[in-house]
Amino acid sequence: MIAKGLHQSVDRGFEAEQVPFLKRLVETPSCSREREDVEAAARVLDEQADALGLSIERVPDPTGVYADHRVYVTPAGESAPRCLALVGHVDTVFPRSMGFFGFERDGDVARGPGVLDMKSGLSSIFFALAAQPDPLAVPVRVVINSDEEVGSPSSAPLFERVSARTTEALVFEAGRAEDALITCRKGAGGFTATARGRAAHSGLAHAEGVNAIAALALAIGRVEALTDYARGVTFNVGLVEGGTSANTVPGEASCRIDCRYIHPEDRDWAGEALREAVEGAPLGGRLEGAQLTLDGRFHRPAMVPTDANRALLARYARHAVAVGLGHGEAPLQGGGSDANILASHGVPCIDGLGPSGHGVHRTDERISLDSLRRRTQALARFLADPG
């Protein structure tokens, strides 16, 4: 009877309240680096949390670059030494300059910036709570950050703090094929290699120049050679910049490097190998005098599959099945999320609890509204009966 009542509660509020809430949230731009926009979107969440009676903690970014992060807590969550965390992010990858705005609906399909990644997932958190007979009696903490799409540089300390009071975490990134849930993700790092040479006019004083692009090219070849598919470690040079004109020996050049790894023990190896490939690149002849340096960090630890992750998946899965969703375990994911950070602090996590859809990070981003309704029902059931 309780489950039936939860289903009915979600259904009653879905078209009347949840979809309009999602529309408003999607129509509020929130690119990570456009602070005031993200803050405006977060205030939409604040209103919903306040209406539910949740306490609201705003956690500022010390640098002032990103909008405040939010932690919403029920009274039952406040009084519990540790409780369940529901985790999401309000930022998106779409700057205003892209001109991608608005929320569109065509039957079951809803489109718009961030509708899949991950504003629909956020809506399911609040409306699954709202469906409870007494939302304030559910021991839960809702953690929403504003910088996930850029690697969570500001919110990582918040997740470390929250993890000490967290039993388990559900993360609401976009749903995967056949509703499979995520228990493991690759670790990731972002780095910049910079070459500094000496600029000169290529016609009048070519011999006086030291070509930074040529020096960087040597390092790039060494970096790309480090990729080891058998080991599960990849390096990708994805962006190269340098030079000022075709008739100038370039004095500076740089490239951005993405590194991914599967096994936690390979993180240190990958970092050391990358530094040696860049800073140890042999430079002689006309390149003598160039300098190569590497900056950056690993921002996502690997999330490994554990017995605790899989036990949490099994408990959630019975509710997913009950509302007509799939319930399998997704394969290893190459992309990272905040589940990586929480898992590294020993918190059992499952991820991918958002609805199904397509076009993540693209201007055709879209979701199935029926999938969102079912995801909200499954979460409502889990909150009422997590055991």
Protein backbone atom coordinates (compact mmCIF):
# COMPACT_ATOMS: atom_id res chain seq x y z
CA MET A 1 0.00 0.00 0.00
CA ILE A 2 2.84 2.40 0.81
CA ALA A 3 4.47 1.77 -2.57
CA LYS A 4 1.18 2.33 -4.38
CA GLY A 5 0.71 5.61 -2.55
CA LEU A 6 4.21 6.75 -3.50
CA HIS A 7 3.55 5.95 -7.16
CA GLN A 8 0.32 7.91 -7.07
CA SER A 9 1.97 10.84 -5.33
CA VAL A 10 4.71 11.04 -7.99
CA ASP A 11 2.13 10.72 -10.77
CA ARG A 12 -0.10 13.44 -9.32
CA GLY A 13 2.73 15.92 -9.13
CA PHE A 14 4.55 14.99 -12.33
CA GLU A 15 2.75 17.05 -14.97
CA ALA A 16 1.44 19.65 -12.55
CA GLU A 17 4.67 20.40 -10.69
CA GLN A 18 7.75 18.37 -11.64
CA VAL A 19 7.77 19.06 -15.38
CA PRO A 20 7.17 22.81 -14.85
CA PHE A 21 9.98 22.83 -12.28
CA LEU A 22 12.29 21.09 -14.76
CA LYS A 23 11.28 23.56 -17.47
CA ARG A 24 12.13 26.51 -15.23
CA LEU A 25 15.47 24.97 -14.26
CA VAL A 26 16.45 24.20 -17.87
CA GLU A 27 15.42 27.69 -18.96
CA THR A 28 17.86 29.15 -16.40
CA PRO A 29 21.34 28.99 -18.05
CA SER A 30 24.07 27.67 -15.76
CA CYS A 31 27.43 27.23 -17.49
CA SER A 32 30.03 26.44 -14.82
CA ARG A 33 32.17 29.54 -15.40
CA GLU A 34 29.25 31.97 -15.61
CA ARG A 35 28.88 32.35 -11.88
CA GLU A 36 25.80 34.55 -11.65
CA ASP A 37 23.88 32.28 -14.01
CA VAL A 38 24.71 29.20 -11.95
CA GLU A 39 23.72 31.06 -8.80
CA ALA A 40 20.35 31.89 -10.36
CA ALA A 41 19.76 28.22 -11.20
CA ALA A 42 20.80 27.18 -7.69
CA ARG A 43 18.26 29.61 -6.23
CA VAL A 44 15.55 27.66 -8.09
CA LEU A 45 16.71 24.62 -6.11
CA ASP A 46 16.78 26.67 -2.90
CA GLU A 47 13.11 27.53 -3.35
CA GLN A 48 12.18 23.88 -3.77
CA ALA A 49 14.26 22.83 -0.77
CA ASP A 50 12.73 25.57 1.36
CA ALA A 51 9.22 24.55 0.32
CA LEU A 52 10.01 21.01 1.52
CA GLY A 53 11.31 22.29 4.85
CA LEU A 54 14.95 21.32 4.30
CA SER A 55 17.76 23.29 5.89
CA ILE A 56 20.02 25.06 3.40
CA GLU A 57 23.79 25.40 3.76
CA ARG A 58 25.58 27.50 1.17
CA VAL A 59 29.25 26.59 0.73
CA PRO A 60 31.20 29.36 -1.05
CA ASP A 61 34.02 28.76 -3.49
CA PRO A 62 37.08 30.31 -1.78
CA THR A 63 38.30 31.71 -5.10
CA GLY A 64 34.98 33.30 -6.01
CA VAL A 65 35.11 31.74 -9.49
CA TYR A 66 32.20 29.34 -9.03
CA ALA A 67 28.74 29.75 -7.54
CA ASP A 68 28.08 28.57 -4.00
CA HIS A 69 27.57 24.84 -3.54
CA ARG A 70 24.47 23.70 -1.65
CA VAL A 71 23.79 21.12 1.04
CA TYR A 72 20.12 20.54 1.85
CA VAL A 73 19.30 18.39 4.88
CA THR A 74 16.12 17.01 6.42
CA PRO A 75 15.72 17.29 10.22
CA ALA A 76 16.11 13.49 10.39
CA GLY A 77 19.36 13.81 8.45
CA GLU A 78 20.63 16.55 10.76
CA SER A 79 20.06 14.42 13.85
CA ALA A 80 21.56 11.23 12.40
CA PRO A 81 25.31 10.69 12.85
CA ARG A 82 25.46 9.51 9.23
CA CYS A 83 22.85 9.23 6.50
CA LEU A 84 22.21 8.73 2.78
CA ALA A 85 23.47 11.39 0.36
CA LEU A 86 21.71 12.30 -2.88
CA VAL A 87 24.23 13.99 -5.16
CA GLY A 88 23.98 16.16 -8.25
CA HIS A 89 25.33 19.26 -9.97
CA VAL A 90 23.53 22.35 -11.20
CA ASP A 91 26.17 23.55 -13.68
CA THR A 92 26.20 22.73 -17.39
CA VAL A 93 28.69 22.94 -20.27
CA PHE A 94 26.68 25.42 -22.35
CA PRO A 95 27.89 29.06 -22.23
CA ARG A 96 25.52 31.83 -23.19
CA SER A 97 27.68 32.48 -26.26
CA MET A 98 26.47 29.19 -27.79
CA GLY A 99 22.96 30.58 -28.06
CA PHE A 100 21.46 27.27 -26.87
CA PHE A 101 18.51 28.22 -24.66
CA GLY A 102 15.03 27.10 -23.75
CA PHE A 103 12.98 24.01 -22.97
CA GLU A 104 11.04 22.21 -25.67
CA ARG A 105 8.65 19.32 -25.36
CA ASP A 106 7.37 16.96 -28.01
CA GLY A 107 5.25 14.29 -26.36
CA ASP A 108 7.52 12.14 -24.21
CA VAL A 109 10.69 13.96 -25.31
CA ALA A 110 12.00 17.06 -23.54
CA ARG A 111 14.94 19.02 -24.94
CA GLY A 112 17.15 21.81 -23.64
CA PRO A 113 20.57 22.67 -22.20
CA GLY A 114 21.32 20.42 -19.25
CA VAL A 115 18.00 18.60 -19.40
CA LEU A 116 19.85 15.25 -19.34
CA ASP A 117 23.08 16.31 -17.66
CA MET A 118 21.65 16.69 -15.13
CA LYS A 119 18.74 18.95 -14.32
CA SER A 120 16.20 16.17 -14.76
CA GLY A 121 18.10 14.10 -12.21
CA LEU A 122 17.91 17.02 -9.78
CA SER A 123 14.15 17.19 -10.26
CA SER A 124 13.80 13.52 -9.34
CA ILE A 125 15.59 14.13 -6.03
CA PHE A 126 13.21 16.85 -4.87
CA PHE A 127 10.01 15.25 -6.14
CA ALA A 128 10.85 11.80 -4.76
CA LEU A 129 11.27 13.51 -1.39
CA ALA A 130 8.05 15.45 -1.88
CA ALA A 131 6.20 12.17 -2.51
CA GLN A 132 7.02 10.85 0.97
CA PRO A 133 4.26 10.88 3.61
CA ASP A 134 6.65 12.89 5.82
CA PRO A 135 9.69 14.13 3.86
CA LEU A 136 11.30 15.64 6.95
CA ALA A 137 11.42 12.23 8.65
CA VAL A 138 13.60 10.77 5.88
CA PRO A 139 17.27 10.87 6.97
CA VAL A 140 18.93 12.29 3.89
CA ARG A 141 21.40 14.95 2.78
CA VAL A 142 21.22 16.47 -0.71
CA VAL A 143 24.57 17.72 -2.02
CA ILE A 144 24.53 19.95 -5.10
CA ASN A 145 27.75 21.44 -6.50
CA SER A 146 28.33 24.13 -9.09
CA ASP A 147 31.61 23.02 -10.69
CA GLU A 148 31.24 19.35 -11.65
CA GLU A 149 31.60 19.99 -15.37
CA VAL A 150 35.09 21.44 -14.83
CA GLY A 151 36.31 18.66 -12.52
CA SER A 152 34.91 19.79 -9.14
CA PRO A 153 38.02 21.78 -8.13
CA SER A 154 36.12 23.84 -5.55
CA SER A 155 33.66 21.23 -4.29
CA ALA A 156 36.09 18.33 -3.75
CA PRO A 157 36.80 19.45 -0.14
CA LEU A 158 33.05 19.63 0.47
CA PHE A 159 32.62 16.02 -0.66
CA GLU A 160 35.48 14.98 1.63
CA ARG A 161 33.74 16.68 4.57
CA VAL A 162 30.32 15.26 3.73
CA SER A 163 31.68 11.74 3.28
CA ALA A 164 32.36 11.48 7.03
CA ARG A 165 28.61 11.76 7.65
CA THR A 166 27.47 9.63 4.71
CA THR A 167 26.44 5.97 4.77
CA GLU A 168 25.87 5.61 1.01
CA ALA A 169 25.43 7.91 -1.98
CA LEU A 170 23.16 7.94 -5.00
CA VAL A 171 24.44 10.10 -7.88
CA PHE A 172 22.04 11.38 -10.53
CA GLU A 173 24.12 11.63 -13.68
CA ALA A 174 22.42 10.70 -16.96
CA GLY A 175 20.94 7.22 -17.23
CA ARG A 176 22.70 4.57 -19.29
CA ALA A 177 21.47 2.08 -21.88
CA GLU A 178 18.84 -0.34 -20.58
CA ASP A 179 18.78 1.62 -17.28
CA ALA A 180 22.05 0.01 -16.18
CA LEU A 181 23.61 1.59 -13.08
CA ILE A 182 27.20 2.65 -12.66
CA THR A 183 29.50 1.09 -10.06
CA CYS A 184 32.87 1.93 -11.63
CA ARG A 185 34.46 4.82 -13.51
CA LYS A 186 37.92 5.65 -14.78
CA GLY A 187 40.08 8.14 -12.94
CA ALA A 188 41.04 11.27 -14.86
CA GLY A 189 43.51 14.12 -14.91
CA GLY A 190 44.00 17.27 -16.93
CA PHE A 191 47.43 18.70 -17.72
CA THR A 192 49.07 21.45 -19.75
CA ALA A 193 52.47 21.06 -21.39
CA THR A 194 54.18 24.35 -22.24
CA ALA A 195 57.20 24.93 -24.46
CA ARG A 196 59.11 28.20 -24.32
CA GLY A 197 61.64 29.03 -27.01
CA ARG A 198 62.74 32.34 -28.52
CA ALA A 199 60.71 34.34 -31.02
CA ALA A 200 62.40 35.73 -34.13
CA HIS A 201 61.52 36.96 -37.63
CA SER A 202 61.59 33.88 -39.82
CA GLY A 203 63.09 35.75 -42.76
CA LEU A 204 65.43 38.29 -41.18
CA ALA A 205 66.71 36.34 -38.17
CA HIS A 206 65.63 32.70 -38.38
CA ALA A 207 68.85 31.44 -36.81
CA GLU A 208 68.24 33.55 -33.72
CA GLY A 209 64.93 31.83 -33.01
CA VAL A 210 64.17 28.68 -31.02
CA ASN A 211 60.95 27.09 -32.27
CA ALA A 212 58.66 26.32 -29.33
CA ILE A 213 56.16 24.45 -31.52
CA ALA A 214 58.87 22.09 -32.77
CA ALA A 215 59.99 21.45 -29.18
CA LEU A 216 56.43 20.78 -28.10
CA ALA A 217 55.91 18.40 -31.03
CA LEU A 218 58.71 16.18 -29.73
CA ALA A 219 57.02 16.00 -26.35
CA ILE A 220 53.61 15.29 -27.90
CA GLY A 221 54.95 12.24 -29.70
CA ARG A 222 56.35 10.89 -26.43
CA VAL A 223 53.09 11.54 -24.62
CA GLU A 224 50.96 9.76 -27.21
CA ALA A 225 53.32 6.77 -27.09
CA LEU A 226 52.51 6.28 -23.39
CA THR A 227 48.96 5.05 -24.05
CA ASP A 228 48.66 1.41 -22.96
CA TYR A 229 45.27 -0.12 -23.72
CA ALA A 230 46.15 -3.41 -22.02
CA ARG A 231 46.90 -1.51 -18.84
CA GLY A 232 43.86 0.72 -19.21
CA VAL A 233 45.82 3.98 -19.29
CA THR A 234 45.26 6.51 -22.07
CA PHE A 235 46.77 9.90 -22.89
CA ASN A 236 45.14 12.30 -25.32
CA VAL A 237 46.56 15.58 -26.61
CA GLY A 238 43.31 17.33 -27.42
CA LEU A 239 44.17 20.98 -27.85
CA VAL A 240 47.35 22.63 -29.21
CA GLU A 241 48.09 26.36 -29.29
CA GLY A 242 51.15 28.33 -30.31
CA GLY A 243 52.73 30.88 -32.55
CA THR A 244 51.73 34.36 -33.65
CA SER A 245 52.19 34.33 -37.44
CA ALA A 246 53.57 32.14 -40.19
CA ASN A 247 56.63 34.37 -40.60
CA THR A 248 57.59 34.34 -36.91
CA VAL A 249 59.60 31.61 -35.20
CA PRO A 250 57.19 30.79 -32.35
CA GLY A 251 58.44 31.65 -28.90
CA GLU A 252 55.75 29.75 -26.98
CA ALA A 253 53.38 26.82 -27.51
CA SER A 254 51.21 24.67 -25.30
CA CYS A 255 48.93 21.67 -25.39
CA ARG A 256 46.21 20.25 -23.16
CA ILE A 257 46.50 16.60 -22.18
CA ASP A 258 43.77 14.31 -20.86
CA CYS A 259 44.81 11.19 -18.94
CA ARG A 260 42.51 8.32 -17.94
CA TYR A 261 43.25 5.21 -15.91
CA ILE A 262 41.31 2.23 -14.51
CA HIS A 263 43.35 0.94 -11.60
CA PRO A 264 44.13 3.27 -8.65
CA GLU A 265 47.69 1.97 -8.48
CA ASP A 266 48.35 3.29 -12.01
CA ARG A 267 47.69 6.92 -11.08
CA ASP A 268 51.20 7.62 -9.77
CA TRP A 269 52.80 5.76 -12.67
CA ALA A 270 50.80 7.75 -15.19
CA GLY A 271 51.71 11.06 -13.58
CA GLU A 272 55.41 10.28 -13.40
CA ALA A 273 55.51 8.90 -16.95
CA LEU A 274 53.75 11.99 -18.27
CA ARG A 275 56.14 14.37 -16.54
CA GLU A 276 59.13 12.48 -17.88
CA ALA A 277 57.67 12.47 -21.39
CA VAL A 278 57.26 16.25 -21.33
CA GLU A 279 60.08 17.60 -19.22
CA GLY A 280 62.54 14.88 -20.18
CA ALA A 281 62.11 15.24 -23.95
CA PRO A 282 65.62 15.48 -25.49
CA LEU A 283 66.19 18.87 -27.11
CA GLY A 284 69.31 19.56 -29.10
CA GLY A 285 70.52 21.25 -32.24
CA ARG A 286 68.33 24.19 -33.22
CA LEU A 287 66.00 23.46 -30.29
CA GLU A 288 68.68 23.79 -27.66
CA GLY A 289 67.58 26.42 -25.19
CA ALA A 290 63.87 25.58 -25.33
CA GLN A 291 62.21 24.71 -22.04
CA LEU A 292 59.34 22.27 -21.50
CA THR A 293 57.18 22.26 -18.37
CA LEU A 294 54.11 20.35 -17.22
CA ASP A 295 51.31 21.63 -15.00
CA GLY A 296 48.01 20.06 -13.93
CA ARG A 297 46.56 17.42 -11.67
CA PHE A 298 44.44 14.33 -11.38
CA HIS A 299 40.97 15.59 -10.47
CA ARG A 300 39.00 12.35 -10.51
CA PRO A 301 40.24 9.28 -8.59
CA ALA A 302 39.21 5.95 -10.07
CA MET A 303 35.89 4.56 -8.84
CA VAL A 304 36.35 0.82 -8.52
CA PRO A 305 33.54 -1.75 -8.28
CA THR A 306 33.17 -3.05 -4.71
CA ASP A 307 30.92 -5.46 -2.87
CA ALA A 308 29.34 -2.47 -1.11
CA ASN A 309 28.58 -0.70 -4.41
CA ARG A 310 26.98 -3.83 -5.80
CA ALA A 311 24.97 -4.46 -2.63
CA LEU A 312 23.59 -0.92 -2.86
CA LEU A 313 22.77 -1.51 -6.53
CA ALA A 314 20.90 -4.70 -5.67
CA ARG A 315 18.79 -2.91 -3.04
CA TYR A 316 17.93 -0.05 -5.39
CA ALA A 317 17.32 -2.47 -8.28
CA ARG A 318 14.28 -4.11 -6.70
CA HIS A 319 12.56 -0.71 -6.69
CA ALA A 320 13.66 0.00 -10.26
CA VAL A 321 12.20 -3.32 -11.41
CA ALA A 322 8.96 -2.59 -9.58
CA VAL A 323 8.39 0.55 -11.66
CA GLY A 324 9.35 -1.05 -14.97
CA LEU A 325 13.00 0.01 -15.23
CA GLY A 326 16.04 -2.12 -16.02
CA HIS A 327 18.45 -2.91 -13.22
CA GLY A 328 21.78 -4.21 -14.58
CA GLU A 329 25.32 -3.09 -13.85
CA ALA A 330 26.80 -0.78 -16.47
CA PRO A 331 30.25 -1.51 -17.91
CA LEU A 332 33.24 0.57 -16.86
CA GLN A 333 32.61 4.24 -17.67
CA GLY A 334 35.34 6.35 -19.23
CA GLY A 335 33.93 9.63 -17.93
CA GLY A 336 34.16 10.75 -14.32
CA SER A 337 31.64 12.22 -11.89
CA ASP A 338 31.44 13.21 -8.25
CA ALA A 339 30.82 9.54 -7.45
CA ASN A 340 34.57 9.10 -8.06
CA ILE A 341 35.36 11.53 -5.26
CA LEU A 342 32.92 10.09 -2.74
CA ALA A 343 33.98 6.54 -3.52
CA SER A 344 37.62 7.47 -2.92
CA HIS A 345 36.61 8.42 0.64
CA GLY A 346 35.07 5.00 1.23
CA VAL A 347 31.43 5.86 0.51
CA PRO A 348 29.50 3.11 -1.33
CA CYS A 349 28.03 4.72 -4.46
CA ILE A 350 25.91 4.00 -7.47
CA ASP A 351 25.60 6.48 -10.32
CA GLY A 352 23.56 7.06 -13.47
CA LEU A 353 20.23 7.41 -11.66
CA GLY A 354 19.02 10.12 -14.02
CA PRO A 355 16.52 9.33 -16.77
CA SER A 356 17.39 7.85 -20.14
CA GLY A 357 18.13 10.19 -23.02
CA HIS A 358 20.67 11.18 -25.65
CA GLY A 359 22.98 13.99 -26.65
CA VAL A 360 24.90 14.72 -23.45
CA HIS A 361 26.92 17.94 -23.94
CA ARG A 362 25.35 18.48 -27.37
CA THR A 363 22.70 20.89 -28.59
CA ASP A 364 20.32 17.98 -29.22
CA GLU A 365 20.37 16.96 -25.54
CA ARG A 366 17.06 15.31 -24.63
CA ILE A 367 15.34 12.97 -22.18
CA SER A 368 12.39 10.64 -21.98
CA LEU A 369 9.88 12.13 -19.56
CA ASP A 370 8.38 8.70 -18.89
CA SER A 371 11.84 7.51 -17.86
CA LEU A 372 12.09 10.51 -15.52
CA ARG A 373 8.74 9.68 -13.97
CA ARG A 374 9.79 6.09 -13.36
CA ARG A 375 13.17 7.16 -11.97
CA THR A 376 11.38 9.47 -9.53
CA GLN A 377 9.08 6.63 -8.48
CA ALA A 378 12.00 4.26 -7.96
CA LEU A 379 13.82 6.81 -5.81
CA ALA A 380 10.66 7.54 -3.80
CA ARG A 381 10.32 3.81 -3.08
CA PHE A 382 14.00 3.51 -2.13
CA LEU A 383 13.79 6.47 0.27
CA ALA A 384 10.79 4.85 1.97
CA ASP A 385 12.39 1.38 2.08
CA PRO A 386 16.19 1.46 1.59
CA GLY A 387 16.88 -1.81 3.38
